[in-house]
Amino acid sequence: MLKQARRMRWAQHRRPPIHIRRNQGVGLTAWVDTGEGTDKKMILVTPHFKLHEFDCKDGTPYPSEWVESRLFVLCDVLETIRERSGGAIHIVSGYRSPTYNQGLRKAGLRGEHASTGVAEKSQHTEGRAADIACFGMTTDNLHSLIKTLWEDGALPGLGGLAKYPLHGFTHVDTWIKAPGKLRTW
């Protein structure tokens, strides 16, 4: 029921794309057929977030088997944040392959509370996290807005929240360790 309501809400905000089809529980997907296959840069997970935005910086694509169970939930959280912030959301970092994440840790960027927050068991490697920035908002203001939205019950899928003002992004993830609890650092 929630997924159907979400799809209907998103469908109201869409301009008609070139092709539309319903993916099995993933929502509306738009794409451009270039004659040589699907143009990945056009695949929409939700109206404002494209699949390629969540690919790892090392070129590893977001795992397709997680789109429905993990990315759709994350994008729902991001759509609510985007709607309430009034600005476009930039994905600074989405999925990280375990190899890429380990490389960041080896570079000396360790620990959940370190300046960049590269955790050994990062939710980025599970496809449940994004580091984001919102055009026109400071990191502190974005973090505060997200926390308020969670407290008001507008982000039930949010599980973790952190701010990294020195790096200009806010971390959000959808791993819920305990219902009704928000992990913050």
C-alpha atoms as a PDB file:
ATOM      1  CA  MET A   1       0.000   0.000   0.000  1.00  0.00           C
ATOM      2  CA  LEU A   2       2.805   2.416   0.921  1.00  0.00           C
ATOM      3  CA  LYS A   3       4.684   1.611  -2.296  1.00  0.00           C
ATOM      4  CA  GLN A   4       1.548   2.260  -4.365  1.00  0.00           C
ATOM      5  CA  ALA A   5       0.948   5.621  -2.651  1.00  0.00           C
ATOM      6  CA  ARG A   6       4.607   6.534  -3.192  1.00  0.00           C
ATOM      7  CA  ARG A   7       4.369   5.685  -6.892  1.00  0.00           C
ATOM      8  CA  MET A   8       1.208   7.757  -7.274  1.00  0.00           C
ATOM      9  CA  ARG A   9       2.846  10.745  -5.536  1.00  0.00           C
ATOM     10  CA  TRP A  10       5.919  10.509  -7.766  1.00  0.00           C
ATOM     11  CA  ALA A  11       3.830  10.069 -10.909  1.00  0.00           C
ATOM     12  CA  GLN A  12       2.157  13.419 -10.240  1.00  0.00           C
ATOM     13  CA  HIS A  13       5.531  15.219 -10.328  1.00  0.00           C
ATOM     14  CA  ARG A  14       6.808  13.646 -13.526  1.00  0.00           C
ATOM     15  CA  ARG A  15       6.982  15.027 -17.018  1.00  0.00           C
ATOM     16  CA  PRO A  16       6.151  12.344 -19.541  1.00  0.00           C
ATOM     17  CA  PRO A  17       9.425  10.496 -20.315  1.00  0.00           C
ATOM     18  CA  ILE A  18      10.260   8.839 -23.585  1.00  0.00           C
ATOM     19  CA  HIS A  19       9.366   5.353 -22.304  1.00  0.00           C
ATOM     20  CA  ILE A  20       7.698   4.342 -19.045  1.00  0.00           C
ATOM     21  CA  ARG A  21       7.212   0.927 -17.549  1.00  0.00           C
ATOM     22  CA  ARG A  22       6.562  -0.407 -14.107  1.00  0.00           C
ATOM     23  CA  ASN A  23       9.456  -2.404 -12.743  1.00  0.00           C
ATOM     24  CA  GLN A  24       8.633  -5.210 -10.377  1.00  0.00           C
ATOM     25  CA  GLY A  25       8.022  -3.159  -7.253  1.00  0.00           C
ATOM     26  CA  VAL A  26      10.714  -0.610  -8.119  1.00  0.00           C
ATOM     27  CA  GLY A  27       8.321   2.064  -9.301  1.00  0.00           C
ATOM     28  CA  LEU A  28       8.391   4.000 -12.506  1.00  0.00           C
ATOM     29  CA  THR A  29      11.469   3.689 -14.650  1.00  0.00           C
ATOM     30  CA  ALA A  30      12.231   5.993 -17.548  1.00  0.00           C
ATOM     31  CA  TRP A  31      14.906   5.338 -20.110  1.00  0.00           C
ATOM     32  CA  VAL A  32      16.151   6.334 -23.509  1.00  0.00           C
ATOM     33  CA  ASP A  33      16.776   3.577 -26.023  1.00  0.00           C
ATOM     34  CA  THR A  34      19.779   4.702 -28.042  1.00  0.00           C
ATOM     35  CA  GLY A  35      19.474   1.773 -30.435  1.00  0.00           C
ATOM     36  CA  GLU A  36      22.506   0.247 -28.761  1.00  0.00           C
ATOM     37  CA  GLY A  37      20.766  -0.586 -25.516  1.00  0.00           C
ATOM     38  CA  THR A  38      19.598   1.364 -22.504  1.00  0.00           C
ATOM     39  CA  ASP A  39      21.272   4.646 -21.621  1.00  0.00           C
ATOM     40  CA  LYS A  40      21.994   4.136 -17.906  1.00  0.00           C
ATOM     41  CA  LYS A  41      22.212   7.868 -17.265  1.00  0.00           C
ATOM     42  CA  MET A  42      18.478   8.081 -17.953  1.00  0.00           C
ATOM     43  CA  ILE A  43      17.268   5.305 -15.621  1.00  0.00           C
ATOM     44  CA  LEU A  44      15.203   6.937 -12.892  1.00  0.00           C
ATOM     45  CA  VAL A  45      14.800   5.255  -9.532  1.00  0.00           C
ATOM     46  CA  THR A  46      12.489   8.090  -8.475  1.00  0.00           C
ATOM     47  CA  PRO A  47      11.627  11.352 -10.259  1.00  0.00           C
ATOM     48  CA  HIS A  48      14.740  13.183  -9.053  1.00  0.00           C
ATOM     49  CA  PHE A  49      17.343  10.433  -8.639  1.00  0.00           C
ATOM     50  CA  LYS A  50      18.983   8.424 -11.388  1.00  0.00           C
ATOM     51  CA  LEU A  51      20.519   5.005 -10.873  1.00  0.00           C
ATOM     52  CA  HIS A  52      23.988   6.045 -12.052  1.00  0.00           C
ATOM     53  CA  GLU A  53      24.191   8.708  -9.296  1.00  0.00           C
ATOM     54  CA  PHE A  54      24.619   5.900  -6.759  1.00  0.00           C
ATOM     55  CA  ASP A  55      27.402   4.017  -8.591  1.00  0.00           C
ATOM     56  CA  CYS A  56      30.728   3.636  -6.790  1.00  0.00           C
ATOM     57  CA  LYS A  57      33.470   6.128  -7.621  1.00  0.00           C
ATOM     58  CA  ASP A  58      35.627   3.212  -8.834  1.00  0.00           C
ATOM     59  CA  GLY A  59      33.118   2.506 -11.606  1.00  0.00           C
ATOM     60  CA  THR A  60      31.347  -0.410  -9.920  1.00  0.00           C
ATOM     61  CA  PRO A  61      27.628  -0.080 -10.631  1.00  0.00           C
ATOM     62  CA  TYR A  62      25.047  -0.090  -7.871  1.00  0.00           C
ATOM     63  CA  PRO A  63      24.064  -3.785  -7.472  1.00  0.00           C
ATOM     64  CA  SER A  64      20.861  -4.339  -9.446  1.00  0.00           C
ATOM     65  CA  GLU A  65      19.613  -6.956  -6.976  1.00  0.00           C
ATOM     66  CA  TRP A  66      19.441  -4.262  -4.258  1.00  0.00           C
ATOM     67  CA  VAL A  67      17.498  -1.624  -6.207  1.00  0.00           C
ATOM     68  CA  GLU A  68      14.069  -2.728  -5.008  1.00  0.00           C
ATOM     69  CA  SER A  69      14.932  -3.666  -1.430  1.00  0.00           C
ATOM     70  CA  ARG A  70      17.496  -0.969  -0.603  1.00  0.00           C
ATOM     71  CA  LEU A  71      17.860   1.860  -3.131  1.00  0.00           C
ATOM     72  CA  PHE A  72      14.142   2.464  -3.473  1.00  0.00           C
ATOM     73  CA  VAL A  73      13.894   2.968   0.313  1.00  0.00           C
ATOM     74  CA  LEU A  74      16.924   5.300   0.318  1.00  0.00           C
ATOM     75  CA  CYS A  75      15.548   7.334  -2.584  1.00  0.00           C
ATOM     76  CA  ASP A  76      12.195   7.664  -0.814  1.00  0.00           C
ATOM     77  CA  VAL A  77      14.033   9.274   2.118  1.00  0.00           C
ATOM     78  CA  LEU A  78      15.975  11.519  -0.284  1.00  0.00           C
ATOM     79  CA  GLU A  79      12.815  12.574  -2.141  1.00  0.00           C
ATOM     80  CA  THR A  80      11.246  13.703   1.156  1.00  0.00           C
ATOM     81  CA  ILE A  81      14.400  15.637   2.079  1.00  0.00           C
ATOM     82  CA  ARG A  82      14.485  17.246  -1.381  1.00  0.00           C
ATOM     83  CA  GLU A  83      10.822  18.213  -1.204  1.00  0.00           C
ATOM     84  CA  ARG A  84      11.128  19.778   2.245  1.00  0.00           C
ATOM     85  CA  SER A  85      14.481  21.497   1.617  1.00  0.00           C
ATOM     86  CA  GLY A  86      13.266  23.101  -1.583  1.00  0.00           C
ATOM     87  CA  GLY A  87      16.596  22.469  -3.287  1.00  0.00           C
ATOM     88  CA  ALA A  88      18.258  19.915  -5.497  1.00  0.00           C
ATOM     89  CA  ILE A  89      20.114  17.140  -3.696  1.00  0.00           C
ATOM     90  CA  HIS A  90      23.602  16.216  -4.918  1.00  0.00           C
ATOM     91  CA  ILE A  91      24.785  12.653  -4.221  1.00  0.00           C
ATOM     92  CA  VAL A  92      28.396  13.072  -3.069  1.00  0.00           C
ATOM     93  CA  SER A  93      28.839   9.356  -2.415  1.00  0.00           C
ATOM     94  CA  GLY A  94      26.385   6.485  -2.812  1.00  0.00           C
ATOM     95  CA  TYR A  95      27.296   2.829  -3.114  1.00  0.00           C
ATOM     96  CA  ARG A  96      30.904   1.863  -2.326  1.00  0.00           C
ATOM     97  CA  SER A  97      32.335  -1.466  -3.392  1.00  0.00           C
ATOM     98  CA  PRO A  98      34.052  -3.270  -0.500  1.00  0.00           C
ATOM     99  CA  THR A  99      37.390  -2.834  -2.337  1.00  0.00           C
ATOM    100  CA  TYR A 100      36.873   0.913  -2.749  1.00  0.00           C
ATOM    101  CA  ASN A 101      35.776   1.311   0.880  1.00  0.00           C
ATOM    102  CA  GLN A 102      38.826  -0.646   2.070  1.00  0.00           C
ATOM    103  CA  GLY A 103      41.048   1.599  -0.048  1.00  0.00           C
ATOM    104  CA  LEU A 104      39.628   4.671   1.675  1.00  0.00           C
ATOM    105  CA  ARG A 105      40.291   3.080   5.055  1.00  0.00           C
ATOM    106  CA  LYS A 106      43.869   2.177   4.094  1.00  0.00           C
ATOM    107  CA  ALA A 107      44.430   5.769   3.061  1.00  0.00           C
ATOM    108  CA  GLY A 108      44.040   6.621   6.735  1.00  0.00           C
ATOM    109  CA  LEU A 109      40.410   7.666   6.715  1.00  0.00           C
ATOM    110  CA  ARG A 110      39.175   5.334   9.442  1.00  0.00           C
ATOM    111  CA  GLY A 111      36.563   5.078  12.093  1.00  0.00           C
ATOM    112  CA  GLU A 112      32.950   6.017  12.283  1.00  0.00           C
ATOM    113  CA  HIS A 113      33.847   9.185  14.177  1.00  0.00           C
ATOM    114  CA  ALA A 114      36.867  10.164  12.068  1.00  0.00           C
ATOM    115  CA  SER A 115      36.757  13.325  10.004  1.00  0.00           C
ATOM    116  CA  THR A 116      35.401  11.545   6.937  1.00  0.00           C
ATOM    117  CA  GLY A 117      33.600   8.634   8.576  1.00  0.00           C
ATOM    118  CA  VAL A 118      34.819   5.671   6.518  1.00  0.00           C
ATOM    119  CA  ALA A 119      33.585   2.815   8.676  1.00  0.00           C
ATOM    120  CA  GLU A 120      34.749  -0.761   8.167  1.00  0.00           C
ATOM    121  CA  LYS A 121      31.140  -1.958   8.018  1.00  0.00           C
ATOM    122  CA  SER A 122      29.864   1.096   6.161  1.00  0.00           C
ATOM    123  CA  GLN A 123      26.243   1.163   5.057  1.00  0.00           C
ATOM    124  CA  HIS A 124      27.598   2.507   1.749  1.00  0.00           C
ATOM    125  CA  THR A 125      28.930  -1.006   1.018  1.00  0.00           C
ATOM    126  CA  GLU A 126      25.443  -2.369   1.674  1.00  0.00           C
ATOM    127  CA  GLY A 127      23.795   0.104  -0.700  1.00  0.00           C
ATOM    128  CA  ARG A 128      21.831   1.748   2.109  1.00  0.00           C
ATOM    129  CA  ALA A 129      23.661   5.077   2.447  1.00  0.00           C
ATOM    130  CA  ALA A 130      24.339   8.335   0.680  1.00  0.00           C
ATOM    131  CA  ASP A 131      26.440  11.355   1.508  1.00  0.00           C
ATOM    132  CA  ILE A 132      24.497  14.345   0.258  1.00  0.00           C
ATOM    133  CA  ALA A 133      24.665  18.095  -0.178  1.00  0.00           C
ATOM    134  CA  CYS A 134      21.754  20.413  -0.852  1.00  0.00           C
ATOM    135  CA  PHE A 135      22.274  23.418  -3.069  1.00  0.00           C
ATOM    136  CA  GLY A 136      21.564  26.594  -1.115  1.00  0.00           C
ATOM    137  CA  MET A 137      21.879  25.004   2.353  1.00  0.00           C
ATOM    138  CA  THR A 138      24.797  24.620   4.720  1.00  0.00           C
ATOM    139  CA  THR A 139      25.669  21.176   6.036  1.00  0.00           C
ATOM    140  CA  ASP A 140      24.515  22.221   9.516  1.00  0.00           C
ATOM    141  CA  ASN A 141      21.144  23.462   8.216  1.00  0.00           C
ATOM    142  CA  LEU A 142      20.587  20.341   6.116  1.00  0.00           C
ATOM    143  CA  HIS A 143      21.452  18.088   9.072  1.00  0.00           C
ATOM    144  CA  SER A 144      19.095  20.055  11.311  1.00  0.00           C
ATOM    145  CA  LEU A 145      16.264  19.858   8.759  1.00  0.00           C
ATOM    146  CA  ILE A 146      16.682  16.088   8.360  1.00  0.00           C
ATOM    147  CA  LYS A 147      16.730  15.535  12.114  1.00  0.00           C
ATOM    148  CA  THR A 148      13.557  17.609  12.495  1.00  0.00           C
ATOM    149  CA  LEU A 149      11.855  15.672   9.691  1.00  0.00           C
ATOM    150  CA  TRP A 150      12.756  12.394  11.415  1.00  0.00           C
ATOM    151  CA  GLU A 151      11.500  13.677  14.800  1.00  0.00           C
ATOM    152  CA  ASP A 152       8.222  14.758  13.138  1.00  0.00           C
ATOM    153  CA  GLY A 153       7.754  11.273  11.667  1.00  0.00           C
ATOM    154  CA  ALA A 154       8.290  12.346   8.039  1.00  0.00           C
ATOM    155  CA  LEU A 155      11.312  10.038   7.555  1.00  0.00           C
ATOM    156  CA  PRO A 156      10.397   6.633   9.023  1.00  0.00           C
ATOM    157  CA  GLY A 157      12.934   4.931   6.736  1.00  0.00           C
ATOM    158  CA  LEU A 158      15.887   6.938   8.067  1.00  0.00           C
ATOM    159  CA  GLY A 159      18.228   4.932  10.293  1.00  0.00           C
ATOM    160  CA  GLY A 160      21.453   6.960  10.497  1.00  0.00           C
ATOM    161  CA  LEU A 161      22.409  10.628  10.258  1.00  0.00           C
ATOM    162  CA  ALA A 162      25.750  12.425  10.506  1.00  0.00           C
ATOM    163  CA  LYS A 163      27.172  15.750   9.419  1.00  0.00           C
ATOM    164  CA  TYR A 164      30.596  16.455   7.993  1.00  0.00           C
ATOM    165  CA  PRO A 165      30.764  20.251   7.641  1.00  0.00           C
ATOM    166  CA  LEU A 166      34.487  20.279   6.857  1.00  0.00           C
ATOM    167  CA  HIS A 167      33.771  18.093   3.829  1.00  0.00           C
ATOM    168  CA  GLY A 168      30.474  19.740   2.905  1.00  0.00           C
ATOM    169  CA  PHE A 169      28.108  16.777   3.148  1.00  0.00           C
ATOM    170  CA  THR A 170      25.548  15.080   5.361  1.00  0.00           C
ATOM    171  CA  HIS A 171      25.364  11.287   5.670  1.00  0.00           C
ATOM    172  CA  VAL A 172      21.989   9.533   5.595  1.00  0.00           C
ATOM    173  CA  ASP A 173      21.336   5.805   5.709  1.00  0.00           C
ATOM    174  CA  THR A 174      18.359   3.502   5.950  1.00  0.00           C
ATOM    175  CA  TRP A 175      19.750   0.789   8.200  1.00  0.00           C
ATOM    176  CA  ILE A 176      17.395   0.745  11.170  1.00  0.00           C
ATOM    177  CA  LYS A 177      19.136  -0.913  14.080  1.00  0.00           C
ATOM    178  CA  ALA A 178      16.190  -0.459  16.455  1.00  0.00           C
ATOM    179  CA  PRO A 179      12.723   0.851  15.551  1.00  0.00           C
ATOM    180  CA  GLY A 180      12.177   4.421  16.710  1.00  0.00           C
ATOM    181  CA  LYS A 181      15.902   5.052  17.213  1.00  0.00           C
ATOM    182  CA  LEU A 182      18.072   7.229  14.988  1.00  0.00           C
ATOM    183  CA  ARG A 183      21.795   6.526  14.990  1.00  0.00           C
ATOM    184  CA  THR A 184      23.727   9.805  14.970  1.00  0.00           C
ATOM    185  CA  TRP A 185      27.404  10.667  15.105  1.00  0.00           C
END
